[in-house]
C-alpha atoms as a PDB file:
ATOM      1  CA  MET A   1      33.054  10.555  11.105  1.00  0.00           C
ATOM      2  CA  SER A   2      30.067   9.852  13.414  1.00  0.00           C
ATOM      3  CA  ALA A   3      27.616   7.345  12.512  1.00  0.00           C
ATOM      4  CA  PRO A   4      24.245   8.466  10.953  1.00  0.00           C
ATOM      5  CA  ARG A   5      21.694   8.954  13.011  1.00  0.00           C
ATOM      6  CA  LEU A   6      18.463   6.824  13.459  1.00  0.00           C
ATOM      7  CA  VAL A   7      14.915   7.702  11.736  1.00  0.00           C
ATOM      8  CA  ALA A   8      11.398   6.778  12.412  1.00  0.00           C
ATOM      9  CA  GLY A   9       8.844   5.538  10.162  1.00  0.00           C
ATOM     10  CA  LEU A  10       5.398   5.097  10.295  1.00  0.00           C
ATOM     11  CA  ASP A  11       2.387   3.937   8.378  1.00  0.00           C
ATOM     12  CA  LEU A  12      -1.097   5.001   8.905  1.00  0.00           C
ATOM     13  CA  GLY A  13      -3.781   2.953   8.065  1.00  0.00           C
ATOM     14  CA  GLY A  14      -7.489   2.810   8.269  1.00  0.00           C
ATOM     15  CA  THR A  15      -7.339   0.080  11.196  1.00  0.00           C
ATOM     16  CA  LYS A  16      -3.677   0.226  12.346  1.00  0.00           C
ATOM     17  CA  ILE A  17      -0.298   2.181  13.204  1.00  0.00           C
ATOM     18  CA  LEU A  18       3.067   0.684  12.145  1.00  0.00           C
ATOM     19  CA  GLY A  19       6.056   2.371  13.359  1.00  0.00           C
ATOM     20  CA  ARG A  20       9.553   1.277  12.368  1.00  0.00           C
ATOM     21  CA  VAL A  21      13.141   3.030  13.281  1.00  0.00           C
ATOM     22  CA  VAL A  22      16.050   2.455  11.548  1.00  0.00           C
ATOM     23  CA  ASP A  23      19.490   2.938  10.603  1.00  0.00           C
ATOM     24  CA  PRO A  24      19.696   4.328   7.540  1.00  0.00           C
ATOM     25  CA  ARG A  25      22.461   2.501   6.686  1.00  0.00           C
ATOM     26  CA  SER A  26      20.539  -0.785   6.666  1.00  0.00           C
ATOM     27  CA  PRO A  27      16.951   0.285   6.778  1.00  0.00           C
ATOM     28  CA  SER A  28      15.570  -2.930   5.950  1.00  0.00           C
ATOM     29  CA  ASP A  29      16.422  -4.260   9.510  1.00  0.00           C
ATOM     30  CA  PRO A  30      14.184  -2.514  11.932  1.00  0.00           C
ATOM     31  CA  VAL A  31      16.040  -1.639  15.264  1.00  0.00           C
ATOM     32  CA  ALA A  32      12.518  -0.648  17.085  1.00  0.00           C
ATOM     33  CA  ALA A  33       8.909  -1.080  16.485  1.00  0.00           C
ATOM     34  CA  LEU A  34       5.547  -0.488  17.191  1.00  0.00           C
ATOM     35  CA  ARG A  35       1.871  -1.421  16.363  1.00  0.00           C
ATOM     36  CA  LEU A  36      -1.240   0.824  17.548  1.00  0.00           C
ATOM     37  CA  ASP A  37      -5.093   0.899  17.012  1.00  0.00           C
ATOM     38  CA  THR A  38      -5.958   3.658  14.519  1.00  0.00           C
ATOM     39  CA  PRO A  39      -8.252   5.953  16.633  1.00  0.00           C
ATOM     40  CA  ARG A  40     -11.126   7.807  15.002  1.00  0.00           C
ATOM     41  CA  GLY A  41     -10.926  11.257  14.196  1.00  0.00           C
ATOM     42  CA  GLY A  42      -8.223  13.668  13.263  1.00  0.00           C
ATOM     43  CA  PRO A  43      -7.582  15.184  16.489  1.00  0.00           C
ATOM     44  CA  ALA A  44      -7.208  11.749  17.928  1.00  0.00           C
ATOM     45  CA  ILE A  45      -4.882  10.606  15.260  1.00  0.00           C
ATOM     46  CA  LEU A  46      -2.641  13.474  15.514  1.00  0.00           C
ATOM     47  CA  ASP A  47      -2.132  12.465  18.983  1.00  0.00           C
ATOM     48  CA  ALA A  48      -1.727   8.737  18.486  1.00  0.00           C
ATOM     49  CA  LEU A  49       0.952   9.631  16.151  1.00  0.00           C
ATOM     50  CA  THR A  50       2.617  12.046  18.222  1.00  0.00           C
ATOM     51  CA  ASP A  51       2.720   9.291  21.049  1.00  0.00           C
ATOM     52  CA  ALA A  52       3.941   6.625  18.569  1.00  0.00           C
ATOM     53  CA  CYS A  53       6.768   9.129  17.640  1.00  0.00           C
ATOM     54  CA  THR A  54       7.687   9.362  21.554  1.00  0.00           C
ATOM     55  CA  ALA A  55       7.789   5.914  22.234  1.00  0.00           C
ATOM     56  CA  LEU A  56       9.765   5.646  18.870  1.00  0.00           C
ATOM     57  CA  ARG A  57      12.130   8.267  19.832  1.00  0.00           C
ATOM     58  CA  THR A  58      12.699   6.830  23.369  1.00  0.00           C
ATOM     59  CA  GLU A  59      13.886   3.625  22.139  1.00  0.00           C
ATOM     60  CA  ALA A  60      15.974   5.075  19.715  1.00  0.00           C
ATOM     61  CA  ALA A  61      17.777   7.131  22.330  1.00  0.00           C
ATOM     62  CA  VAL A  62      18.359   3.566  24.215  1.00  0.00           C
ATOM     63  CA  VAL A  63      20.109   2.542  20.631  1.00  0.00           C
ATOM     64  CA  ALA A  64      21.770   5.251  19.660  1.00  0.00           C
ATOM     65  CA  ALA A  65      23.012   8.628  21.338  1.00  0.00           C
ATOM     66  CA  GLY A  66      21.903  10.947  18.708  1.00  0.00           C
ATOM     67  CA  GLY A  67      18.604   9.810  19.166  1.00  0.00           C
ATOM     68  CA  LEU A  68      16.257  10.520  15.805  1.00  0.00           C
ATOM     69  CA  ALA A  69      17.055  12.740  13.091  1.00  0.00           C
ATOM     70  CA  GLY A  70      13.720  12.855  11.479  1.00  0.00           C
ATOM     71  CA  VAL A  71      10.328  11.147  11.473  1.00  0.00           C
ATOM     72  CA  GLY A  72       8.352  10.122   7.951  1.00  0.00           C
ATOM     73  CA  ILE A  73       4.615   9.470   7.958  1.00  0.00           C
ATOM     74  CA  GLY A  74       2.829   7.483   5.346  1.00  0.00           C
ATOM     75  CA  ALA A  75      -0.504   7.869   4.962  1.00  0.00           C
ATOM     76  CA  ALA A  76      -3.613   6.278   3.266  1.00  0.00           C
ATOM     77  CA  GLY A  77      -4.749   9.367   1.164  1.00  0.00           C
ATOM     78  CA  LEU A  78      -4.464  12.372  -0.539  1.00  0.00           C
ATOM     79  CA  VAL A  79      -1.693  14.113   1.122  1.00  0.00           C
ATOM     80  CA  ASP A  80      -0.316  17.588  -0.403  1.00  0.00           C
ATOM     81  CA  HIS A  81       3.314  18.727  -0.834  1.00  0.00           C
ATOM     82  CA  GLN A  82       2.838  20.628   2.393  1.00  0.00           C
ATOM     83  CA  GLY A  83       2.075  17.143   4.638  1.00  0.00           C
ATOM     84  CA  VAL A  84      -1.627  18.185   4.836  1.00  0.00           C
ATOM     85  CA  LEU A  85      -3.931  14.766   4.431  1.00  0.00           C
ATOM     86  CA  ARG A  86      -6.392  16.269   2.626  1.00  0.00           C
ATOM     87  CA  PHE A  87      -9.323  13.496   2.059  1.00  0.00           C
ATOM     88  CA  ALA A  88      -8.568   9.717   3.328  1.00  0.00           C
ATOM     89  CA  PRO A  89     -11.317   7.472   1.704  1.00  0.00           C
ATOM     90  CA  ASN A  90     -10.518   5.184   4.533  1.00  0.00           C
ATOM     91  CA  LEU A  91     -10.738   7.499   7.604  1.00  0.00           C
ATOM     92  CA  PRO A  92     -14.022   8.936   6.554  1.00  0.00           C
ATOM     93  CA  THR A  93     -13.861  11.434   9.259  1.00  0.00           C
ATOM     94  CA  VAL A  94     -10.140  12.644   8.423  1.00  0.00           C
ATOM     95  CA  VAL A  95     -10.415  15.552   5.738  1.00  0.00           C
ATOM     96  CA  ASP A  96      -7.848  18.503   5.484  1.00  0.00           C
ATOM     97  CA  LEU A  97      -5.553  17.301   8.387  1.00  0.00           C
ATOM     98  CA  ASP A  98      -2.154  19.058   9.072  1.00  0.00           C
ATOM     99  CA  VAL A  99      -0.101  16.151  10.100  1.00  0.00           C
ATOM    100  CA  GLY A 100       3.186  17.375   8.705  1.00  0.00           C
ATOM    101  CA  PRO A 101       2.830  21.048  10.007  1.00  0.00           C
ATOM    102  CA  GLU A 102       1.574  19.639  13.325  1.00  0.00           C
ATOM    103  CA  LEU A 103       4.019  16.954  13.930  1.00  0.00           C
ATOM    104  CA  ARG A 104       6.527  19.477  12.973  1.00  0.00           C
ATOM    105  CA  ASP A 105       5.673  21.769  15.943  1.00  0.00           C
ATOM    106  CA  ARG A 106       5.093  19.052  18.409  1.00  0.00           C
ATOM    107  CA  LEU A 107       8.126  16.883  17.876  1.00  0.00           C
ATOM    108  CA  ALA A 108      10.583  20.107  17.309  1.00  0.00           C
ATOM    109  CA  LEU A 109      11.990  17.527  14.228  1.00  0.00           C
ATOM    110  CA  PRO A 110      12.562  17.378  10.433  1.00  0.00           C
ATOM    111  CA  VAL A 111       8.833  15.661   9.688  1.00  0.00           C
ATOM    112  CA  ALA A 112       8.464  13.885   6.039  1.00  0.00           C
ATOM    113  CA  VAL A 113       4.704  13.394   5.092  1.00  0.00           C
ATOM    114  CA  ASP A 114       3.202  11.439   1.864  1.00  0.00           C
ATOM    115  CA  ASN A 115       0.985   8.701   0.799  1.00  0.00           C
ATOM    116  CA  ASP A 116       1.401   5.412   2.173  1.00  0.00           C
ATOM    117  CA  ALA A 117       1.863   3.698  -1.173  1.00  0.00           C
ATOM    118  CA  ASN A 118       4.520   6.117  -1.890  1.00  0.00           C
ATOM    119  CA  CYS A 119       6.240   5.334   0.487  1.00  0.00           C
ATOM    120  CA  ALA A 120       6.336   1.623   0.096  1.00  0.00           C
ATOM    121  CA  THR A 121       7.315   2.576  -3.517  1.00  0.00           C
ATOM    122  CA  VAL A 122      10.329   4.342  -2.351  1.00  0.00           C
ATOM    123  CA  ALA A 123      11.309   1.279  -0.106  1.00  0.00           C
ATOM    124  CA  GLU A 124      10.433  -1.049  -2.848  1.00  0.00           C
ATOM    125  CA  HIS A 125      12.633   0.947  -5.409  1.00  0.00           C
ATOM    126  CA  ARG A 126      15.838   1.619  -3.144  1.00  0.00           C
ATOM    127  CA  LEU A 127      16.056  -1.983  -1.666  1.00  0.00           C
ATOM    128  CA  GLY A 128      13.159  -4.363  -2.913  1.00  0.00           C
ATOM    129  CA  ALA A 129      11.534  -5.621  -6.193  1.00  0.00           C
ATOM    130  CA  ALA A 130      12.048  -2.709  -8.160  1.00  0.00           C
ATOM    131  CA  ARG A 131      15.290  -1.738  -7.322  1.00  0.00           C
ATOM    132  CA  ASP A 132      17.760  -0.072 -10.138  1.00  0.00           C
ATOM    133  CA  ALA A 133      14.462   0.040 -12.026  1.00  0.00           C
ATOM    134  CA  ARG A 134      14.123   3.464 -14.047  1.00  0.00           C
ATOM    135  CA  SER A 135      10.705   2.964 -14.356  1.00  0.00           C
ATOM    136  CA  ALA A 136       8.048   0.998 -12.229  1.00  0.00           C
ATOM    137  CA  ALA A 137       4.552   1.174 -10.795  1.00  0.00           C
ATOM    138  CA  LEU A 138       4.174  -0.674  -7.389  1.00  0.00           C
ATOM    139  CA  VAL A 139       0.331  -1.468  -6.806  1.00  0.00           C
ATOM    140  CA  THR A 140      -0.848  -2.628  -3.214  1.00  0.00           C
ATOM    141  CA  LEU A 141      -3.718  -4.880  -3.116  1.00  0.00           C
ATOM    142  CA  GLY A 142      -5.473  -4.671   0.254  1.00  0.00           C
ATOM    143  CA  THR A 143      -8.789  -3.488   1.935  1.00  0.00           C
ATOM    144  CA  GLY A 144      -8.603  -0.835  -0.860  1.00  0.00           C
ATOM    145  CA  ILE A 145      -5.665  -0.051  -4.011  1.00  0.00           C
ATOM    146  CA  GLY A 146      -2.882   2.124  -3.306  1.00  0.00           C
ATOM    147  CA  ALA A 147      -0.002   2.687  -5.979  1.00  0.00           C
ATOM    148  CA  GLY A 148       3.387   4.588  -6.086  1.00  0.00           C
ATOM    149  CA  LEU A 149       4.993   5.494  -9.604  1.00  0.00           C
ATOM    150  CA  ILE A 150       8.522   5.828 -10.379  1.00  0.00           C
ATOM    151  CA  LEU A 151       9.336   7.333 -14.064  1.00  0.00           C
ATOM    152  CA  ASP A 152      12.902   8.074 -14.964  1.00  0.00           C
ATOM    153  CA  GLY A 153      13.870   7.063 -11.593  1.00  0.00           C
ATOM    154  CA  GLU A 154      12.072   9.706  -9.573  1.00  0.00           C
ATOM    155  CA  LEU A 155       8.924   9.050  -7.560  1.00  0.00           C
ATOM    156  CA  GLN A 156       6.193  10.857  -9.233  1.00  0.00           C
ATOM    157  CA  ARG A 157       3.822  13.052  -6.861  1.00  0.00           C
ATOM    158  CA  GLY A 158       2.198  14.975  -9.242  1.00  0.00           C
ATOM    159  CA  ALA A 159       1.080  19.036  -9.256  1.00  0.00           C
ATOM    160  CA  ALA A 160      -0.506  18.577  -5.795  1.00  0.00           C
ATOM    161  CA  GLY A 161       0.635  15.326  -4.658  1.00  0.00           C
ATOM    162  CA  PHE A 162      -2.024  13.284  -5.652  1.00  0.00           C
ATOM    163  CA  ALA A 163      -0.673  11.267  -8.110  1.00  0.00           C
ATOM    164  CA  GLY A 164      -0.966   7.348  -7.917  1.00  0.00           C
ATOM    165  CA  GLU A 165      -4.268   6.787  -7.108  1.00  0.00           C
ATOM    166  CA  PRO A 166      -5.392   3.945  -9.964  1.00  0.00           C
ATOM    167  CA  GLY A 167      -7.418   2.185  -7.515  1.00  0.00           C
ATOM    168  CA  HIS A 168      -9.942   5.260  -8.105  1.00  0.00           C
ATOM    169  CA  MET A 169     -10.102   4.578 -11.875  1.00  0.00           C
ATOM    170  CA  VAL A 170     -13.630   3.859 -13.146  1.00  0.00           C
ATOM    171  CA  VAL A 171     -13.478   0.004 -14.760  1.00  0.00           C
ATOM    172  CA  ASP A 172     -17.651  -0.201 -14.334  1.00  0.00           C
ATOM    173  CA  PRO A 173     -19.416   2.979 -14.384  1.00  0.00           C
ATOM    174  CA  SER A 174     -22.296   0.745 -13.034  1.00  0.00           C
ATOM    175  CA  GLY A 175     -20.590  -1.129 -10.504  1.00  0.00           C
ATOM    176  CA  PRO A 176     -20.608  -1.261  -7.260  1.00  0.00           C
ATOM    177  CA  PRO A 177     -20.412   2.296  -4.577  1.00  0.00           C
ATOM    178  CA  CYS A 178     -16.877   2.386  -3.874  1.00  0.00           C
ATOM    179  CA  PRO A 179     -15.982   4.824  -0.419  1.00  0.00           C
ATOM    180  CA  CYS A 180     -14.592   7.727  -2.478  1.00  0.00           C
ATOM    181  CA  GLY A 181     -18.554   8.189  -3.067  1.00  0.00           C
ATOM    182  CA  ARG A 182     -18.413   6.650  -6.975  1.00  0.00           C
ATOM    183  CA  ARG A 183     -19.333   3.503  -8.495  1.00  0.00           C
ATOM    184  CA  GLY A 184     -17.277   0.888 -10.026  1.00  0.00           C
ATOM    185  CA  CYS A 185     -13.711   2.162  -9.111  1.00  0.00           C
ATOM    186  CA  TRP A 186     -10.958  -0.298  -9.850  1.00  0.00           C
ATOM    187  CA  GLU A 187     -10.563  -1.319  -6.102  1.00  0.00           C
ATOM    188  CA  ARG A 188     -14.273  -2.356  -5.856  1.00  0.00           C
ATOM    189  CA  PHE A 189     -13.016  -5.207  -7.897  1.00  0.00           C
ATOM    190  CA  ALA A 190      -9.617  -5.646  -6.981  1.00  0.00           C
ATOM    191  CA  SER A 191      -8.679  -5.344  -3.333  1.00  0.00           C
ATOM    192  CA  GLY A 192      -9.623  -7.346  -0.714  1.00  0.00           C
ATOM    193  CA  SER A 193     -13.255  -6.375  -0.327  1.00  0.00           C
ATOM    194  CA  GLY A 194     -13.214  -6.935  -4.235  1.00  0.00           C
ATOM    195  CA  LEU A 195     -11.999 -10.361  -3.387  1.00  0.00           C
ATOM    196  CA  GLY A 196     -14.722 -10.906  -1.232  1.00  0.00           C
ATOM    197  CA  ARG A 197     -17.752  -9.964  -3.090  1.00  0.00           C
ATOM    198  CA  ILE A 198     -16.786 -11.890  -6.173  1.00  0.00           C
ATOM    199  CA  ALA A 199     -16.507 -15.014  -3.876  1.00  0.00           C
ATOM    200  CA  ARG A 200     -19.687 -14.254  -2.083  1.00  0.00           C
ATOM    201  CA  ASP A 201     -21.225 -14.018  -5.613  1.00  0.00           C
ATOM    202  CA  ALA A 202     -19.749 -17.387  -6.229  1.00  0.00           C
ATOM    203  CA  ALA A 203     -21.067 -18.894  -2.909  1.00  0.00           C
ATOM    204  CA  GLN A 204     -24.730 -17.878  -3.816  1.00  0.00           C
ATOM    205  CA  ALA A 205     -24.054 -19.888  -6.719  1.00  0.00           C
ATOM    206  CA  GLY A 206     -23.260 -22.997  -5.032  1.00  0.00           C
ATOM    207  CA  ARG A 207     -19.568 -22.720  -6.138  1.00  0.00           C
ATOM    208  CA  ALA A 208     -17.479 -22.121  -2.987  1.00  0.00           C
ATOM    209  CA  ASP A 209     -18.244 -24.466  -0.502  1.00  0.00           C
ATOM    210  CA  ARG A 210     -15.355 -24.563   1.167  1.00  0.00           C
ATOM    211  CA  VAL A 211     -14.665 -21.173   1.204  1.00  0.00           C
ATOM    212  CA  VAL A 212     -18.521 -20.661   2.900  1.00  0.00           C
ATOM    213  CA  ALA A 213     -16.977 -23.805   5.336  1.00  0.00           C
ATOM    214  CA  LEU A 214     -14.298 -21.065   6.330  1.00  0.00           C
ATOM    215  CA  ALA A 215     -16.198 -18.198   6.998  1.00  0.00           C
ATOM    216  CA  GLY A 216     -18.730 -20.397   9.602  1.00  0.00           C
ATOM    217  CA  GLY A 217     -21.000 -21.723   6.858  1.00  0.00           C
ATOM    218  CA  ASP A 218     -22.583 -18.071   5.785  1.00  0.00           C
ATOM    219  CA  ALA A 219     -22.240 -17.142   2.301  1.00  0.00           C
ATOM    220  CA  ASP A 220     -22.695 -13.330   3.725  1.00  0.00           C
ATOM    221  CA  ASP A 221     -19.691 -13.657   6.020  1.00  0.00           C
ATOM    222  CA  VAL A 222     -17.072 -14.502   3.448  1.00  0.00           C
ATOM    223  CA  ARG A 223     -14.297 -12.354   2.834  1.00  0.00           C
ATOM    224  CA  GLY A 224     -11.156 -12.338   1.000  1.00  0.00           C
ATOM    225  CA  GLU A 225      -8.967 -13.998   3.580  1.00  0.00           C
ATOM    226  CA  HIS A 226     -11.420 -17.007   3.501  1.00  0.00           C
ATOM    227  CA  VAL A 227     -10.315 -17.510  -0.115  1.00  0.00           C
ATOM    228  CA  THR A 228      -6.795 -17.098   0.189  1.00  0.00           C
ATOM    229  CA  ALA A 229      -7.223 -19.834   3.496  1.00  0.00           C
ATOM    230  CA  ALA A 230      -8.509 -22.266   0.266  1.00  0.00           C
ATOM    231  CA  VAL A 231      -6.498 -21.145  -1.876  1.00  0.00           C
ATOM    232  CA  ALA A 232      -3.767 -22.687   0.204  1.00  0.00           C
ATOM    233  CA  GLU A 233      -5.735 -25.930   0.657  1.00  0.00           C
ATOM    234  CA  GLY A 234      -5.745 -25.867  -2.941  1.00  0.00           C
ATOM    235  CA  ASP A 235      -9.298 -25.902  -3.181  1.00  0.00           C
ATOM    236  CA  PRO A 236     -10.589 -25.865  -6.772  1.00  0.00           C
ATOM    237  CA  ASP A 237     -13.344 -23.535  -6.347  1.00  0.00           C
ATOM    238  CA  ALA A 238     -11.576 -20.932  -4.489  1.00  0.00           C
ATOM    239  CA  LEU A 239      -9.103 -21.265  -7.296  1.00  0.00           C
ATOM    240  CA  ALA A 240     -11.502 -20.550  -9.888  1.00  0.00           C
ATOM    241  CA  VAL A 241     -12.695 -17.354  -7.565  1.00  0.00           C
ATOM    242  CA  LEU A 242      -8.913 -16.221  -7.403  1.00  0.00           C
ATOM    243  CA  ARG A 243      -8.443 -16.732 -11.490  1.00  0.00           C
ATOM    244  CA  ASP A 244     -11.812 -14.360 -11.502  1.00  0.00           C
ATOM    245  CA  PHE A 245     -10.379 -11.986  -9.584  1.00  0.00           C
ATOM    246  CA  ALA A 246      -6.715 -12.338 -11.226  1.00  0.00           C
ATOM    247  CA  TRP A 247      -8.619 -10.694 -14.537  1.00  0.00           C
ATOM    248  CA  TRP A 248      -9.459  -7.523 -12.977  1.00  0.00           C
ATOM    249  CA  VAL A 249      -6.239  -6.990 -11.114  1.00  0.00           C
ATOM    250  CA  ALA A 250      -4.924  -7.765 -14.547  1.00  0.00           C
ATOM    251  CA  LEU A 251      -7.300  -4.902 -16.558  1.00  0.00           C
ATOM    252  CA  GLY A 252      -6.084  -2.148 -13.864  1.00  0.00           C
ATOM    253  CA  ILE A 253      -2.425  -3.231 -14.444  1.00  0.00           C
ATOM    254  CA  ALA A 254      -2.862  -3.033 -18.015  1.00  0.00           C
ATOM    255  CA  ASN A 255      -4.411  -0.063 -18.311  1.00  0.00           C
ATOM    256  CA  LEU A 256      -1.036   1.290 -16.165  1.00  0.00           C
ATOM    257  CA  VAL A 257       1.467   0.025 -18.563  1.00  0.00           C
ATOM    258  CA  ASN A 258      -0.994   1.876 -21.616  1.00  0.00           C
ATOM    259  CA  VAL A 259      -0.459   4.879 -19.661  1.00  0.00           C
ATOM    260  CA  LEU A 260       2.940   4.841 -18.075  1.00  0.00           C
ATOM    261  CA  ASP A 261       5.003   2.211 -19.798  1.00  0.00           C
ATOM    262  CA  PRO A 262       7.062   0.751 -16.640  1.00  0.00           C
ATOM    263  CA  GLU A 263       9.403  -1.783 -16.899  1.00  0.00           C
ATOM    264  CA  ILE A 264       8.059  -3.817 -13.907  1.00  0.00           C
ATOM    265  CA  VAL A 265       4.747  -3.641 -12.130  1.00  0.00           C
ATOM    266  CA  VAL A 266       5.507  -4.557  -8.349  1.00  0.00           C
ATOM    267  CA  VAL A 267       2.282  -6.060  -6.442  1.00  0.00           C
ATOM    268  CA  GLY A 268       2.415  -5.779  -2.452  1.00  0.00           C
ATOM    269  CA  GLY A 269      -0.412  -5.981   0.160  1.00  0.00           C
ATOM    270  CA  GLY A 270      -1.699  -8.767   1.699  1.00  0.00           C
ATOM    271  CA  LEU A 271      -3.501 -10.492  -0.902  1.00  0.00           C
ATOM    272  CA  VAL A 272       0.279 -11.067  -2.739  1.00  0.00           C
ATOM    273  CA  ALA A 273       0.807 -13.764  -0.064  1.00  0.00           C
ATOM    274  CA  ALA A 274      -1.413 -16.161  -2.387  1.00  0.00           C
ATOM    275  CA  GLY A 275       2.065 -15.918  -4.820  1.00  0.00           C
ATOM    276  CA  ASP A 276       1.721 -17.645  -8.165  1.00  0.00           C
ATOM    277  CA  ALA A 277      -2.005 -18.706  -7.607  1.00  0.00           C
ATOM    278  CA  LEU A 278      -2.569 -14.950  -8.165  1.00  0.00           C
ATOM    279  CA  LEU A 279       0.456 -13.845  -9.959  1.00  0.00           C
ATOM    280  CA  GLY A 280      -0.090 -16.435 -12.754  1.00  0.00           C
ATOM    281  CA  PRO A 281      -3.289 -15.823 -13.825  1.00  0.00           C
ATOM    282  CA  THR A 282      -2.754 -12.179 -13.594  1.00  0.00           C
ATOM    283  CA  ARG A 283       0.449 -12.085 -15.553  1.00  0.00           C
ATOM    284  CA  ALA A 284      -1.796 -14.245 -18.200  1.00  0.00           C
ATOM    285  CA  ALA A 285      -4.656 -12.502 -18.140  1.00  0.00           C
ATOM    286  CA  TYR A 286      -2.991  -9.230 -18.718  1.00  0.00           C
ATOM    287  CA  ALA A 287      -1.397 -10.444 -21.836  1.00  0.00           C
ATOM    288  CA  GLY A 288      -4.915 -10.137 -23.584  1.00  0.00           C
ATOM    289  CA  LEU A 289      -5.738  -7.040 -22.370  1.00  0.00           C
ATOM    290  CA  VAL A 290      -2.476  -4.413 -22.277  1.00  0.00           C
ATOM    291  CA  LEU A 291      -2.136  -2.770 -25.721  1.00  0.00           C
ATOM    292  CA  ALA A 292       0.135  -4.261 -28.636  1.00  0.00           C
ATOM    293  CA  HIS A 293       1.480  -6.995 -26.104  1.00  0.00           C
ATOM    294  CA  ASP A 294       3.433  -8.952 -28.833  1.00  0.00           C
ATOM    295  CA  HIS A 295       4.878  -5.571 -29.910  1.00  0.00           C
ATOM    296  CA  ARG A 296       6.354  -4.319 -26.778  1.00  0.00           C
ATOM    297  CA  PRO A 297       9.084  -5.060 -24.443  1.00  0.00           C
ATOM    298  CA  PRO A 298       7.972  -7.347 -21.512  1.00  0.00           C
ATOM    299  CA  VAL A 299       6.885  -5.878 -18.381  1.00  0.00           C
ATOM    300  CA  GLN A 300       7.536  -7.840 -15.176  1.00  0.00           C
ATOM    301  CA  ILE A 301       4.365  -8.552 -12.739  1.00  0.00           C
ATOM    302  CA  VAL A 302       6.473  -9.832  -9.516  1.00  0.00           C
ATOM    303  CA  ALA A 303       5.781  -9.821  -6.159  1.00  0.00           C
ATOM    304  CA  ALA A 304       6.855  -7.072  -3.585  1.00  0.00           C
ATOM    305  CA  GLN A 305       9.669  -8.155  -0.902  1.00  0.00           C
ATOM    306  CA  LEU A 306       9.345  -6.259   1.608  1.00  0.00           C
ATOM    307  CA  GLY A 307       6.154  -6.915   3.093  1.00  0.00           C
ATOM    308  CA  PRO A 308       3.765  -5.617   5.736  1.00  0.00           C
ATOM    309  CA  ASP A 309       6.886  -3.190   6.461  1.00  0.00           C
ATOM    310  CA  ALA A 310       7.402  -1.475   3.546  1.00  0.00           C
ATOM    311  CA  GLY A 311       5.483   1.658   3.834  1.00  0.00           C
ATOM    312  CA  ALA A 312       6.992   2.195   7.432  1.00  0.00           C
ATOM    313  CA  ILE A 313      10.309   1.886   6.421  1.00  0.00           C
ATOM    314  CA  GLY A 314       9.832   3.902   2.731  1.00  0.00           C
ATOM    315  CA  ALA A 315       8.503   6.634   5.405  1.00  0.00           C
ATOM    316  CA  ALA A 316      11.932   6.385   7.242  1.00  0.00           C
ATOM    317  CA  LEU A 317      13.795   6.409   4.264  1.00  0.00           C
ATOM    318  CA  LEU A 318      11.862   9.931   3.063  1.00  0.00           C
ATOM    319  CA  ALA A 319      12.514  10.977   6.835  1.00  0.00           C
ATOM    320  CA  ALA A 320      16.425  10.402   6.477  1.00  0.00           C
ATOM    321  CA  ASP A 321      16.037  12.630   3.100  1.00  0.00           C
ATOM    322  CA  VAL A 322      14.513  15.382   4.711  1.00  0.00           C
ATOM    323  CA  ALA A 323      16.840  15.089   7.774  1.00  0.00           C
ATOM    324  CA  ALA A 324      19.802  15.205   5.383  1.00  0.00           C
ATOM    325  CA  ALA A 325      18.985  18.142   3.373  1.00  0.00           C
ATOM    326  CA  PRO A 326      20.428  21.656   3.671  1.00  0.00           C
END
């Protein structure tokens, strides 16, 4: 029997496009990769995705005689069942972009398009931290918050394809403005930008000297990465900031558990690199926030395993599913 052809996955984010080519038999080991800056505007993004797919297709042809069997795209935003990117808070000029239909015409290949966190969830469920779980939630903590939901072993997309956006649960109606146009969304508190805001408040109160130093001496320049760098050094003020941040992370996770009752919550995104310095206080705060903690089975809160490749790998897995469909 001939070997399966390769598939490509691309992770379209607000600042970068990550591409991976994988063999469906060993998808966690990419055979080709690329990274591009995300351009501004829908037409430029479609051109960049086309160019990326063409480049990956050329590399795939070197590895396997059959080339690419299909392409998957994970996009940060609301993706409908037809593969149209309807709304993308971190791509503010992109609305109703026909990603799937356009790329199918340009590439003459099967194309799967889904939300980027859904793609990461597929990868973690099939290969990573949520492997074999019947019910799971993935939460990605980056510039914003993404999420994917597995119930009864199946990815949940919802009636329109928009399920899995808890980052835009309003947790404080008088909270800071969100790029989505509302105020007090969970991601304003529990994302990388939320960590930066909490740290700047601490700095202005004189409680984050090392964090300010890492930011170049100006409290207004403090970002989440300065906090995590100071945490890695063991700075006590930075650890206190991270504990405050972890409470907000735990609040959203508790809300997800109250609604969905998963057996495991996988935490991914760049901030999970802080490890137990983040997950430890998150688990502790969660116990006091979730409904009836002492009367329900334990819910694991664990770090994702596939790192920044998860979205692209999951997109490639969805491409393999589409390519294999009759």
